[in-house]
Amino acid sequence: MNAPSKRVLRQACEVLSQRDAILAQAFAEVDLPNWRGTEASYRTLARIVVYQLISTKAADAIWARVEARYKAVTAPHVLGDDHDALLACGLSRPKLGHILAIAEAVETGILDFDQLAKAPIDQARKTLLAVRGIGPWTAETFLMNALGHLDAFPHGDVGLMESFKRLSGAEARLSAKDFSKQAANWQPYRAVAAHLLYDWLHLDRARAL
């Protein structure tokens, strides 16, 4: 797992706070964000795919059933498994196709996690997006959480857009396009901004309970 140090996080949060009053408010309330670091592995990519575009509750249930099938979720295990059994875990056919394609890329060496970890962000992004089943949101989430790139950013993430809406007091979320334009102001620390927004949204939801 690659995660920024507290010193780097604080420096980034201070820069972001100077540039954007909304992020300054988030920083004031949550302090240093909790970095959602994970390992650079096939399991991480497969999990991101499972969680895409469905509720967390549903994804938790599906992923628990997938993990229960193996001692470890690896590319060889998934490639050698029965497809109908994986579908019975709750995977849709497109998502099953995606995790199988990613597993094949890992097994053939097209996707090499050691090389990805050493590569600059633009090169790593290009490598990830060249694999069938890995779209922009999946790639950026992996770049951010598994590889620790400070400027990765999952554009169109509903949770991030909802957090920004609530913080700004707006009646409606920005469109994905306008939100990406807003996020351009946060370079080269867009991943840090994302973690600030995630943590603030969790805090806001907890206060409403």
N, C-alpha and C. Protein backbone atom coordinates (compact mmCIF):
# COMPACT_ATOMS: atom_id res chain seq x y z
N MET A 1 0.84 -1.20 0.00
CA MET A 1 0.00 0.00 0.00
C MET A 1 0.87 1.25 0.00
N ASN A 2 0.57 2.18 -0.88
CA ASN A 2 1.26 3.46 -0.91
C ASN A 2 0.30 4.54 -0.42
N ALA A 3 0.66 5.18 0.67
CA ALA A 3 -0.18 6.24 1.23
C ALA A 3 0.71 7.41 1.63
N PRO A 4 0.23 8.63 1.44
CA PRO A 4 1.03 9.79 1.81
C PRO A 4 1.21 9.90 3.31
N SER A 5 2.31 10.49 3.71
CA SER A 5 2.56 10.71 5.14
C SER A 5 1.63 11.79 5.67
N LYS A 6 1.53 11.88 6.98
CA LYS A 6 0.70 12.93 7.60
C LYS A 6 1.22 14.31 7.24
N ARG A 7 2.53 14.42 7.13
CA ARG A 7 3.12 15.72 6.78
C ARG A 7 2.68 16.14 5.38
N VAL A 8 2.74 15.19 4.43
CA VAL A 8 2.34 15.49 3.06
C VAL A 8 0.84 15.79 3.00
N LEU A 9 0.05 15.02 3.74
CA LEU A 9 -1.40 15.25 3.76
C LEU A 9 -1.73 16.64 4.31
N ARG A 10 -1.06 17.01 5.39
CA ARG A 10 -1.35 18.32 5.98
C ARG A 10 -0.95 19.45 5.03
N GLN A 11 0.20 19.31 4.40
CA GLN A 11 0.64 20.32 3.44
C GLN A 11 -0.39 20.45 2.31
N ALA A 12 -0.85 19.31 1.79
CA ALA A 12 -1.83 19.34 0.71
C ALA A 12 -3.14 19.96 1.16
N CYS A 13 -3.60 19.62 2.36
CA CYS A 13 -4.85 20.17 2.87
C CYS A 13 -4.76 21.69 3.06
N GLU A 14 -3.60 22.16 3.47
CA GLU A 14 -3.42 23.60 3.65
C GLU A 14 -3.46 24.32 2.31
N VAL A 15 -2.84 23.73 1.29
CA VAL A 15 -2.88 24.32 -0.05
C VAL A 15 -4.31 24.34 -0.58
N LEU A 16 -5.01 23.24 -0.42
CA LEU A 16 -6.39 23.14 -0.90
C LEU A 16 -7.29 24.14 -0.18
N SER A 17 -7.06 24.32 1.10
CA SER A 17 -7.88 25.26 1.89
C SER A 17 -7.68 26.69 1.43
N GLN A 18 -6.47 27.02 1.00
CA GLN A 18 -6.20 28.37 0.50
C GLN A 18 -6.89 28.61 -0.84
N ARG A 19 -7.06 27.54 -1.62
CA ARG A 19 -7.64 27.67 -2.95
C ARG A 19 -9.17 27.60 -2.97
N ASP A 20 -9.74 26.88 -2.01
CA ASP A 20 -11.18 26.60 -2.08
C ASP A 20 -11.78 26.68 -0.68
N ALA A 21 -12.68 27.62 -0.48
CA ALA A 21 -13.30 27.81 0.84
C ALA A 21 -14.12 26.61 1.26
N ILE A 22 -14.68 25.88 0.31
CA ILE A 22 -15.48 24.70 0.64
C ILE A 22 -14.59 23.60 1.20
N LEU A 23 -13.44 23.39 0.58
CA LEU A 23 -12.51 22.41 1.12
C LEU A 23 -11.91 22.87 2.44
N ALA A 24 -11.75 24.17 2.60
CA ALA A 24 -11.26 24.69 3.88
C ALA A 24 -12.24 24.34 5.00
N GLN A 25 -13.53 24.42 4.71
CA GLN A 25 -14.54 24.05 5.70
C GLN A 25 -14.45 22.56 6.03
N ALA A 26 -14.29 21.74 5.00
CA ALA A 26 -14.16 20.30 5.23
C ALA A 26 -12.94 19.99 6.09
N PHE A 27 -11.83 20.64 5.79
CA PHE A 27 -10.59 20.42 6.54
C PHE A 27 -10.75 20.86 7.99
N ALA A 28 -11.44 21.96 8.20
CA ALA A 28 -11.64 22.47 9.56
C ALA A 28 -12.46 21.49 10.40
N GLU A 29 -13.35 20.76 9.75
CA GLU A 29 -14.24 19.85 10.49
C GLU A 29 -13.67 18.44 10.64
N VAL A 30 -12.95 17.96 9.64
CA VAL A 30 -12.47 16.56 9.73
C VAL A 30 -10.98 16.45 10.03
N ASP A 31 -10.24 17.55 9.91
CA ASP A 31 -8.79 17.56 10.05
C ASP A 31 -8.18 16.67 8.96
N LEU A 32 -7.11 15.97 9.23
CA LEU A 32 -6.48 15.16 8.19
C LEU A 32 -7.43 14.03 7.78
N PRO A 33 -7.62 13.85 6.49
CA PRO A 33 -8.53 12.79 6.05
C PRO A 33 -7.93 11.41 6.26
N ASN A 34 -8.82 10.45 6.38
CA ASN A 34 -8.42 9.04 6.49
C ASN A 34 -8.16 8.50 5.10
N TRP A 35 -6.89 8.20 4.81
CA TRP A 35 -6.54 7.74 3.46
C TRP A 35 -7.00 6.30 3.28
N ARG A 36 -7.79 6.04 2.26
CA ARG A 36 -8.36 4.71 2.03
C ARG A 36 -7.38 3.84 1.25
N GLY A 37 -6.26 3.56 1.88
CA GLY A 37 -5.23 2.80 1.21
C GLY A 37 -5.52 1.31 1.17
N THR A 38 -5.11 0.68 0.10
CA THR A 38 -5.26 -0.76 -0.03
C THR A 38 -4.11 -1.30 -0.87
N GLU A 39 -4.02 -2.59 -1.03
CA GLU A 39 -2.91 -3.18 -1.76
C GLU A 39 -3.12 -3.07 -3.27
N ALA A 40 -2.03 -3.00 -3.99
CA ALA A 40 -2.09 -3.02 -5.45
C ALA A 40 -2.15 -4.47 -5.89
N SER A 41 -3.33 -4.97 -6.16
CA SER A 41 -3.51 -6.39 -6.44
C SER A 41 -4.74 -6.63 -7.30
N TYR A 42 -4.85 -7.85 -7.78
CA TYR A 42 -6.05 -8.24 -8.53
C TYR A 42 -7.28 -8.12 -7.64
N ARG A 43 -7.17 -8.55 -6.40
CA ARG A 43 -8.32 -8.49 -5.49
C ARG A 43 -8.87 -7.07 -5.39
N THR A 44 -7.98 -6.10 -5.28
CA THR A 44 -8.42 -4.72 -5.15
C THR A 44 -9.18 -4.26 -6.39
N LEU A 45 -8.66 -4.58 -7.57
CA LEU A 45 -9.35 -4.19 -8.81
C LEU A 45 -10.70 -4.88 -8.93
N ALA A 46 -10.75 -6.17 -8.62
CA ALA A 46 -12.01 -6.90 -8.70
C ALA A 46 -13.04 -6.30 -7.74
N ARG A 47 -12.60 -5.94 -6.55
CA ARG A 47 -13.51 -5.35 -5.57
C ARG A 47 -14.05 -4.00 -6.06
N ILE A 48 -13.19 -3.18 -6.62
CA ILE A 48 -13.64 -1.88 -7.14
C ILE A 48 -14.71 -2.09 -8.21
N VAL A 49 -14.49 -3.06 -9.10
CA VAL A 49 -15.47 -3.35 -10.15
C VAL A 49 -16.81 -3.77 -9.54
N VAL A 50 -16.77 -4.63 -8.54
CA VAL A 50 -18.01 -5.10 -7.90
C VAL A 50 -18.78 -3.94 -7.29
N TYR A 51 -18.07 -2.99 -6.70
CA TYR A 51 -18.73 -1.90 -5.97
C TYR A 51 -19.20 -0.77 -6.90
N GLN A 52 -18.86 -0.83 -8.15
CA GLN A 52 -19.20 0.27 -9.06
C GLN A 52 -20.69 0.29 -9.38
N LEU A 53 -21.29 1.46 -9.23
CA LEU A 53 -22.66 1.75 -9.68
C LEU A 53 -23.75 0.95 -8.99
N ILE A 54 -23.49 0.41 -7.80
CA ILE A 54 -24.55 -0.19 -6.99
C ILE A 54 -24.39 0.29 -5.56
N SER A 55 -25.39 0.05 -4.74
CA SER A 55 -25.33 0.52 -3.35
C SER A 55 -24.24 -0.24 -2.59
N THR A 56 -23.72 0.41 -1.57
CA THR A 56 -22.68 -0.23 -0.76
C THR A 56 -23.22 -1.49 -0.10
N LYS A 57 -24.46 -1.46 0.34
CA LYS A 57 -25.06 -2.62 1.01
C LYS A 57 -25.10 -3.81 0.05
N ALA A 58 -25.55 -3.58 -1.17
CA ALA A 58 -25.62 -4.67 -2.16
C ALA A 58 -24.23 -5.17 -2.51
N ALA A 59 -23.28 -4.23 -2.70
CA ALA A 59 -21.92 -4.62 -3.04
C ALA A 59 -21.27 -5.42 -1.92
N ASP A 60 -21.52 -5.01 -0.67
CA ASP A 60 -20.97 -5.75 0.47
C ASP A 60 -21.41 -7.21 0.44
N ALA A 61 -22.69 -7.43 0.15
CA ALA A 61 -23.23 -8.79 0.14
C ALA A 61 -22.63 -9.62 -0.99
N ILE A 62 -22.53 -9.01 -2.17
CA ILE A 62 -21.96 -9.72 -3.32
C ILE A 62 -20.49 -10.05 -3.08
N TRP A 63 -19.75 -9.07 -2.61
CA TRP A 63 -18.32 -9.28 -2.41
C TRP A 63 -18.06 -10.32 -1.32
N ALA A 64 -18.87 -10.33 -0.28
CA ALA A 64 -18.72 -11.33 0.78
C ALA A 64 -18.91 -12.74 0.22
N ARG A 65 -19.87 -12.89 -0.70
CA ARG A 65 -20.08 -14.21 -1.30
C ARG A 65 -18.92 -14.60 -2.22
N VAL A 66 -18.38 -13.62 -2.94
CA VAL A 66 -17.23 -13.91 -3.80
C VAL A 66 -16.03 -14.34 -2.95
N GLU A 67 -15.74 -13.58 -1.90
CA GLU A 67 -14.58 -13.89 -1.06
C GLU A 67 -14.73 -15.24 -0.36
N ALA A 68 -15.97 -15.61 -0.04
CA ALA A 68 -16.19 -16.87 0.65
C ALA A 68 -15.84 -18.09 -0.21
N ARG A 69 -15.70 -17.88 -1.51
CA ARG A 69 -15.39 -18.99 -2.41
C ARG A 69 -13.90 -19.35 -2.40
N TYR A 70 -13.06 -18.46 -1.92
CA TYR A 70 -11.62 -18.67 -2.05
C TYR A 70 -10.89 -18.38 -0.74
N LYS A 71 -9.71 -18.98 -0.61
CA LYS A 71 -8.83 -18.58 0.48
C LYS A 71 -8.30 -17.17 0.22
N ALA A 72 -8.14 -16.84 -1.06
CA ALA A 72 -7.73 -15.50 -1.48
C ALA A 72 -8.30 -15.25 -2.87
N VAL A 73 -8.75 -14.03 -3.09
CA VAL A 73 -9.28 -13.67 -4.41
C VAL A 73 -8.11 -13.33 -5.32
N THR A 74 -7.73 -14.29 -6.16
CA THR A 74 -6.61 -14.10 -7.08
C THR A 74 -7.07 -14.34 -8.50
N ALA A 75 -6.27 -13.87 -9.45
CA ALA A 75 -6.61 -14.06 -10.86
C ALA A 75 -6.74 -15.55 -11.23
N PRO A 76 -5.81 -16.42 -10.82
CA PRO A 76 -5.96 -17.84 -11.17
C PRO A 76 -7.22 -18.47 -10.58
N HIS A 77 -7.55 -18.12 -9.34
CA HIS A 77 -8.74 -18.68 -8.72
C HIS A 77 -10.00 -18.29 -9.48
N VAL A 78 -10.11 -17.02 -9.85
CA VAL A 78 -11.30 -16.55 -10.56
C VAL A 78 -11.37 -17.14 -11.96
N LEU A 79 -10.25 -17.19 -12.65
CA LEU A 79 -10.24 -17.75 -14.01
C LEU A 79 -10.62 -19.22 -14.01
N GLY A 80 -10.25 -19.93 -12.95
CA GLY A 80 -10.54 -21.35 -12.90
C GLY A 80 -11.87 -21.70 -12.30
N ASP A 81 -12.63 -20.72 -11.90
CA ASP A 81 -13.90 -20.97 -11.22
C ASP A 81 -15.04 -21.15 -12.23
N ASP A 82 -16.14 -21.68 -11.72
CA ASP A 82 -17.34 -21.87 -12.53
C ASP A 82 -18.07 -20.53 -12.70
N HIS A 83 -18.34 -20.16 -13.92
CA HIS A 83 -18.95 -18.86 -14.19
C HIS A 83 -20.35 -18.75 -13.60
N ASP A 84 -21.12 -19.81 -13.70
CA ASP A 84 -22.47 -19.77 -13.15
C ASP A 84 -22.45 -19.60 -11.63
N ALA A 85 -21.47 -20.18 -10.99
CA ALA A 85 -21.35 -20.04 -9.54
C ALA A 85 -21.02 -18.59 -9.17
N LEU A 86 -20.19 -17.96 -9.98
CA LEU A 86 -19.87 -16.55 -9.72
C LEU A 86 -21.08 -15.66 -9.97
N LEU A 87 -21.84 -15.98 -11.00
CA LEU A 87 -23.08 -15.23 -11.25
C LEU A 87 -24.04 -15.39 -10.07
N ALA A 88 -24.05 -16.57 -9.48
CA ALA A 88 -24.93 -16.84 -8.34
C ALA A 88 -24.54 -16.02 -7.11
N CYS A 89 -23.31 -15.51 -7.09
CA CYS A 89 -22.89 -14.62 -6.00
C CYS A 89 -23.58 -13.27 -6.09
N GLY A 90 -24.18 -12.98 -7.25
CA GLY A 90 -24.84 -11.70 -7.45
C GLY A 90 -24.20 -10.82 -8.49
N LEU A 91 -23.11 -11.31 -9.07
CA LEU A 91 -22.45 -10.54 -10.13
C LEU A 91 -23.34 -10.49 -11.37
N SER A 92 -23.37 -9.33 -12.00
CA SER A 92 -24.03 -9.24 -13.30
C SER A 92 -23.10 -9.84 -14.35
N ARG A 93 -23.65 -10.21 -15.50
CA ARG A 93 -22.80 -10.76 -16.55
C ARG A 93 -21.72 -9.77 -17.01
N PRO A 94 -22.05 -8.47 -17.16
CA PRO A 94 -20.98 -7.53 -17.54
C PRO A 94 -19.86 -7.47 -16.50
N LYS A 95 -20.22 -7.45 -15.21
CA LYS A 95 -19.18 -7.37 -14.18
C LYS A 95 -18.37 -8.66 -14.12
N LEU A 96 -19.02 -9.79 -14.33
CA LEU A 96 -18.27 -11.04 -14.40
C LEU A 96 -17.27 -10.98 -15.55
N GLY A 97 -17.73 -10.50 -16.70
CA GLY A 97 -16.83 -10.35 -17.84
C GLY A 97 -15.66 -9.44 -17.53
N HIS A 98 -15.92 -8.39 -16.77
CA HIS A 98 -14.87 -7.45 -16.43
C HIS A 98 -13.82 -8.07 -15.52
N ILE A 99 -14.26 -8.76 -14.47
CA ILE A 99 -13.26 -9.31 -13.55
C ILE A 99 -12.49 -10.47 -14.19
N LEU A 100 -13.14 -11.17 -15.15
CA LEU A 100 -12.42 -12.21 -15.89
C LEU A 100 -11.38 -11.61 -16.83
N ALA A 101 -11.75 -10.52 -17.51
CA ALA A 101 -10.81 -9.86 -18.42
C ALA A 101 -9.61 -9.29 -17.65
N ILE A 102 -9.86 -8.73 -16.48
CA ILE A 102 -8.77 -8.20 -15.66
C ILE A 102 -7.87 -9.33 -15.18
N ALA A 103 -8.49 -10.45 -14.78
CA ALA A 103 -7.71 -11.61 -14.35
C ALA A 103 -6.82 -12.13 -15.47
N GLU A 104 -7.35 -12.15 -16.68
CA GLU A 104 -6.57 -12.59 -17.83
C GLU A 104 -5.39 -11.65 -18.08
N ALA A 105 -5.62 -10.35 -17.93
CA ALA A 105 -4.54 -9.38 -18.11
C ALA A 105 -3.45 -9.56 -17.06
N VAL A 106 -3.84 -9.91 -15.85
CA VAL A 106 -2.86 -10.16 -14.79
C VAL A 106 -2.06 -11.42 -15.10
N GLU A 107 -2.75 -12.47 -15.49
CA GLU A 107 -2.09 -13.74 -15.75
C GLU A 107 -1.14 -13.68 -16.95
N THR A 108 -1.47 -12.90 -17.94
CA THR A 108 -0.62 -12.80 -19.14
C THR A 108 0.49 -11.78 -18.98
N GLY A 109 0.48 -11.04 -17.87
CA GLY A 109 1.53 -10.06 -17.63
C GLY A 109 1.26 -8.70 -18.23
N ILE A 110 0.11 -8.55 -18.89
CA ILE A 110 -0.26 -7.24 -19.43
C ILE A 110 -0.40 -6.24 -18.28
N LEU A 111 -0.93 -6.73 -17.18
CA LEU A 111 -1.11 -5.90 -15.98
C LEU A 111 -0.14 -6.39 -14.92
N ASP A 112 0.91 -5.62 -14.68
CA ASP A 112 1.96 -5.97 -13.73
C ASP A 112 1.94 -4.94 -12.61
N PHE A 113 1.56 -5.36 -11.42
CA PHE A 113 1.36 -4.41 -10.33
C PHE A 113 2.67 -3.81 -9.83
N ASP A 114 3.75 -4.55 -9.90
CA ASP A 114 5.05 -3.98 -9.51
C ASP A 114 5.45 -2.86 -10.46
N GLN A 115 5.22 -3.07 -11.75
CA GLN A 115 5.54 -2.03 -12.73
C GLN A 115 4.62 -0.82 -12.59
N LEU A 116 3.35 -1.09 -12.32
CA LEU A 116 2.39 0.01 -12.12
C LEU A 116 2.81 0.90 -10.96
N ALA A 117 3.27 0.27 -9.89
CA ALA A 117 3.66 1.02 -8.70
C ALA A 117 4.85 1.94 -8.96
N LYS A 118 5.68 1.57 -9.92
CA LYS A 118 6.87 2.37 -10.24
C LYS A 118 6.60 3.42 -11.31
N ALA A 119 5.52 3.28 -12.04
CA ALA A 119 5.25 4.13 -13.20
C ALA A 119 4.69 5.49 -12.79
N PRO A 120 4.97 6.53 -13.57
CA PRO A 120 4.31 7.83 -13.36
C PRO A 120 2.80 7.67 -13.54
N ILE A 121 2.04 8.58 -12.97
CA ILE A 121 0.60 8.43 -12.96
C ILE A 121 0.01 8.35 -14.37
N ASP A 122 0.50 9.15 -15.31
CA ASP A 122 -0.06 9.12 -16.66
C ASP A 122 0.17 7.77 -17.33
N GLN A 123 1.34 7.21 -17.14
CA GLN A 123 1.64 5.91 -17.72
C GLN A 123 0.82 4.81 -17.05
N ALA A 124 0.71 4.87 -15.72
CA ALA A 124 -0.08 3.87 -15.00
C ALA A 124 -1.55 3.94 -15.41
N ARG A 125 -2.06 5.14 -15.56
CA ARG A 125 -3.46 5.33 -16.00
C ARG A 125 -3.67 4.72 -17.38
N LYS A 126 -2.76 4.97 -18.30
CA LYS A 126 -2.88 4.45 -19.66
C LYS A 126 -2.86 2.92 -19.66
N THR A 127 -2.00 2.33 -18.84
CA THR A 127 -1.91 0.87 -18.76
C THR A 127 -3.21 0.29 -18.22
N LEU A 128 -3.75 0.89 -17.20
CA LEU A 128 -5.00 0.40 -16.60
C LEU A 128 -6.16 0.51 -17.59
N LEU A 129 -6.28 1.64 -18.25
CA LEU A 129 -7.42 1.87 -19.15
C LEU A 129 -7.35 1.01 -20.40
N ALA A 130 -6.19 0.47 -20.70
CA ALA A 130 -6.05 -0.41 -21.87
C ALA A 130 -6.61 -1.80 -21.62
N VAL A 131 -6.90 -2.11 -20.35
CA VAL A 131 -7.42 -3.43 -19.99
C VAL A 131 -8.95 -3.40 -20.04
N ARG A 132 -9.53 -4.34 -20.76
CA ARG A 132 -10.99 -4.42 -20.82
C ARG A 132 -11.54 -4.65 -19.42
N GLY A 133 -12.57 -3.90 -19.09
CA GLY A 133 -13.17 -4.01 -17.76
C GLY A 133 -12.74 -2.92 -16.80
N ILE A 134 -11.68 -2.19 -17.17
CA ILE A 134 -11.22 -1.09 -16.31
C ILE A 134 -11.57 0.23 -16.98
N GLY A 135 -12.56 0.92 -16.43
CA GLY A 135 -12.95 2.22 -16.93
C GLY A 135 -12.30 3.33 -16.14
N PRO A 136 -12.60 4.58 -16.48
CA PRO A 136 -11.95 5.71 -15.80
C PRO A 136 -12.14 5.73 -14.29
N TRP A 137 -13.37 5.46 -13.81
CA TRP A 137 -13.62 5.52 -12.36
C TRP A 137 -12.81 4.45 -11.64
N THR A 138 -12.80 3.24 -12.19
CA THR A 138 -12.03 2.15 -11.59
C THR A 138 -10.54 2.47 -11.59
N ALA A 139 -10.06 2.97 -12.72
CA ALA A 139 -8.64 3.30 -12.82
C ALA A 139 -8.23 4.38 -11.82
N GLU A 140 -9.02 5.44 -11.73
CA GLU A 140 -8.66 6.54 -10.83
C GLU A 140 -8.74 6.12 -9.37
N THR A 141 -9.74 5.29 -9.03
CA THR A 141 -9.85 4.81 -7.66
C THR A 141 -8.66 3.94 -7.30
N PHE A 142 -8.21 3.10 -8.23
CA PHE A 142 -7.04 2.26 -8.00
C PHE A 142 -5.77 3.11 -7.90
N LEU A 143 -5.63 4.08 -8.78
CA LEU A 143 -4.47 4.97 -8.73
C LEU A 143 -4.40 5.71 -7.40
N MET A 144 -5.54 6.07 -6.89
CA MET A 144 -5.62 6.84 -5.65
C MET A 144 -5.38 5.96 -4.42
N ASN A 145 -6.14 4.88 -4.30
CA ASN A 145 -6.12 4.11 -3.06
C ASN A 145 -5.05 3.02 -3.03
N ALA A 146 -4.76 2.40 -4.17
CA ALA A 146 -3.77 1.32 -4.18
C ALA A 146 -2.36 1.81 -4.48
N LEU A 147 -2.25 2.86 -5.29
CA LEU A 147 -0.92 3.35 -5.68
C LEU A 147 -0.56 4.68 -5.01
N GLY A 148 -1.53 5.30 -4.34
CA GLY A 148 -1.23 6.49 -3.54
C GLY A 148 -0.92 7.75 -4.32
N HIS A 149 -1.42 7.86 -5.56
CA HIS A 149 -1.16 9.06 -6.35
C HIS A 149 -2.01 10.23 -5.83
N LEU A 150 -1.37 11.31 -5.53
CA LEU A 150 -2.04 12.45 -4.90
C LEU A 150 -2.99 13.19 -5.84
N ASP A 151 -2.82 13.02 -7.15
CA ASP A 151 -3.66 13.78 -8.08
C ASP A 151 -4.63 12.89 -8.85
N ALA A 152 -4.77 11.63 -8.46
CA ALA A 152 -5.81 10.79 -9.07
C ALA A 152 -7.16 11.30 -8.61
N PHE A 153 -8.18 11.14 -9.45
CA PHE A 153 -9.48 11.67 -9.07
C PHE A 153 -10.60 10.93 -9.80
N PRO A 154 -11.49 10.26 -9.06
CA PRO A 154 -12.59 9.52 -9.68
C PRO A 154 -13.72 10.46 -10.13
N HIS A 155 -13.57 11.01 -11.30
CA HIS A 155 -14.55 11.94 -11.84
C HIS A 155 -15.92 11.28 -11.90
N GLY A 156 -16.94 12.03 -11.58
CA GLY A 156 -18.29 11.50 -11.64
C GLY A 156 -18.70 10.70 -10.42
N ASP A 157 -17.85 10.64 -9.41
CA ASP A 157 -18.18 9.91 -8.19
C ASP A 157 -19.35 10.61 -7.48
N VAL A 158 -20.44 9.88 -7.32
CA VAL A 158 -21.66 10.47 -6.76
C VAL A 158 -21.44 10.93 -5.32
N GLY A 159 -20.70 10.14 -4.54
CA GLY A 159 -20.45 10.52 -3.16
C GLY A 159 -19.69 11.82 -3.05
N LEU A 160 -18.70 12.00 -3.90
CA LEU A 160 -17.94 13.25 -3.89
C LEU A 160 -18.80 14.44 -4.29
N MET A 161 -19.62 14.24 -5.32
CA MET A 161 -20.49 15.34 -5.77
C MET A 161 -21.54 15.67 -4.72
N GLU A 162 -22.03 14.67 -4.02
CA GLU A 162 -23.02 14.92 -2.96
C GLU A 162 -22.38 15.66 -1.80
N SER A 163 -21.17 15.27 -1.43
CA SER A 163 -20.47 15.95 -0.35
C SER A 163 -20.24 17.42 -0.69
N PHE A 164 -19.79 17.69 -1.92
CA PHE A 164 -19.53 19.06 -2.33
C PHE A 164 -20.82 19.88 -2.33
N LYS A 165 -21.91 19.26 -2.76
CA LYS A 165 -23.20 19.95 -2.77
C LYS A 165 -23.61 20.37 -1.36
N ARG A 166 -23.52 19.42 -0.42
CA ARG A 166 -23.93 19.72 0.96
C ARG A 166 -23.04 20.78 1.59
N LEU A 167 -21.73 20.65 1.36
CA LEU A 167 -20.81 21.64 1.93
C LEU A 167 -21.07 23.04 1.38
N SER A 168 -21.39 23.12 0.11
CA SER A 168 -21.60 24.42 -0.52
C SER A 168 -22.98 25.00 -0.25
N GLY A 169 -23.88 24.14 0.27
CA GLY A 169 -25.25 24.59 0.54
C GLY A 169 -26.09 24.71 -0.72
N ALA A 170 -25.64 24.13 -1.81
CA ALA A 170 -26.39 24.19 -3.07
C ALA A 170 -27.62 23.29 -3.01
N GLU A 171 -28.61 23.61 -3.83
CA GLU A 171 -29.82 22.80 -3.87
C GLU A 171 -29.64 21.54 -4.70
N ALA A 172 -28.73 21.57 -5.65
CA ALA A 172 -28.52 20.42 -6.53
C ALA A 172 -27.03 20.18 -6.73
N ARG A 173 -26.68 18.95 -7.06
CA ARG A 173 -25.29 18.64 -7.35
C ARG A 173 -24.86 19.28 -8.66
N LEU A 174 -23.58 19.55 -8.76
CA LEU A 174 -23.02 19.94 -10.05
C LEU A 174 -23.10 18.75 -11.01
N SER A 175 -23.14 19.03 -12.28
CA SER A 175 -23.04 17.95 -13.25
C SER A 175 -21.64 17.36 -13.17
N ALA A 176 -21.48 16.15 -13.67
CA ALA A 176 -20.16 15.52 -13.65
C ALA A 176 -19.13 16.39 -14.37
N LYS A 177 -19.55 17.00 -15.47
CA LYS A 177 -18.64 17.85 -16.24
C LYS A 177 -18.22 19.08 -15.43
N ASP A 178 -19.19 19.73 -14.80
CA ASP A 178 -18.88 20.93 -14.01
C ASP A 178 -18.08 20.58 -12.76
N PHE A 179 -18.35 19.41 -12.19
CA PHE A 179 -17.60 18.99 -11.00
C PHE A 179 -16.14 18.74 -11.37
N SER A 180 -15.91 18.16 -12.54
CA SER A 180 -14.53 17.95 -12.99
C SER A 180 -13.81 19.28 -13.21
N LYS A 181 -14.54 20.27 -13.72
CA LYS A 181 -13.94 21.60 -13.89
C LYS A 181 -13.58 22.19 -12.54
N GLN A 182 -14.45 22.01 -11.56
CA GLN A 182 -14.17 22.49 -10.22
C GLN A 182 -12.93 21.80 -9.65
N ALA A 183 -12.85 20.49 -9.87
CA ALA A 183 -11.74 19.71 -9.35
C ALA A 183 -10.40 20.09 -9.98
N ALA A 184 -10.45 20.65 -11.17
CA ALA A 184 -9.20 21.07 -11.83
C ALA A 184 -8.46 22.10 -10.97
N ASN A 185 -9.20 22.86 -10.16
CA ASN A 185 -8.59 23.86 -9.29
C ASN A 185 -7.80 23.21 -8.14
N TRP A 186 -8.02 21.91 -7.93
CA TRP A 186 -7.40 21.23 -6.80
C TRP A 186 -6.11 20.49 -7.16
N GLN A 187 -5.73 20.56 -8.43
CA GLN A 187 -4.47 19.93 -8.83
C GLN A 187 -3.29 20.59 -8.13
N PRO A 188 -2.26 19.86 -7.75
CA PRO A 188 -1.99 18.43 -7.96
C PRO A 188 -2.40 17.56 -6.77
N TYR A 189 -3.46 17.99 -6.06
CA TYR A 189 -3.87 17.26 -4.85
C TYR A 189 -5.32 16.82 -4.91
N ARG A 190 -5.78 16.43 -6.09
CA ARG A 190 -7.19 16.07 -6.21
C ARG A 190 -7.57 14.84 -5.39
N ALA A 191 -6.66 13.90 -5.23
CA ALA A 191 -6.96 12.72 -4.41
C ALA A 191 -7.13 13.11 -2.94
N VAL A 192 -6.36 14.08 -2.49
CA VAL A 192 -6.50 14.55 -1.11
C VAL A 192 -7.85 15.26 -0.95
N ALA A 193 -8.22 16.05 -1.94
CA ALA A 193 -9.54 16.69 -1.91
C ALA A 193 -10.64 15.65 -1.85
N ALA A 194 -10.49 14.57 -2.62
CA ALA A 194 -11.49 13.50 -2.62
C ALA A 194 -11.63 12.89 -1.24
N HIS A 195 -10.51 12.65 -0.57
CA HIS A 195 -10.58 12.05 0.76
C HIS A 195 -11.17 13.01 1.79
N LEU A 196 -10.90 14.29 1.65
CA LEU A 196 -11.54 15.28 2.52
C LEU A 196 -13.06 15.24 2.33
N LEU A 197 -13.50 15.19 1.08
CA LEU A 197 -14.93 15.17 0.80
C LEU A 197 -15.59 13.88 1.27
N TYR A 198 -14.92 12.75 1.07
CA TYR A 198 -15.45 11.47 1.57
C TYR A 198 -15.65 11.53 3.09
N ASP A 199 -14.61 11.98 3.80
CA ASP A 199 -14.67 11.98 5.26
C ASP A 199 -15.72 12.96 5.76
N TRP A 200 -15.83 14.11 5.10
CA TRP A 200 -16.83 15.07 5.55
C TRP A 200 -18.24 14.52 5.35
N LEU A 201 -18.47 13.82 4.24
CA LEU A 201 -19.79 13.24 3.99
C LEU A 201 -20.14 12.20 5.04
N HIS A 202 -19.17 11.36 5.41
CA HIS A 202 -19.41 10.37 6.46
C HIS A 202 -19.74 11.06 7.78
N LEU A 203 -19.01 12.13 8.08
CA LEU A 203 -19.27 12.88 9.30
C LEU A 203 -20.66 13.50 9.27
N ASP A 204 -21.04 14.06 8.15
CA ASP A 204 -22.35 14.71 8.04
C ASP A 204 -23.48 13.69 8.19
N ARG A 205 -23.30 12.53 7.59
CA ARG A 205 -24.33 11.48 7.71
C ARG A 205 -24.43 10.97 9.14
N ALA A 206 -23.29 10.87 9.82
CA ALA A 206 -23.30 10.41 11.21
C ALA A 206 -24.01 11.41 12.10
N ARG A 207 -23.85 12.70 11.82
CA ARG A 207 -24.51 13.73 12.63
C ARG A 207 -26.02 13.69 12.46
N ALA A 208 -26.47 13.19 11.31
CA ALA A 208 -27.91 13.15 11.04
C ALA A 208 -28.61 11.98 11.70
N LEU A 209 -27.84 11.02 12.23
CA LEU A 209 -28.44 9.84 12.86
C LEU A 209 -29.03 10.18 14.22
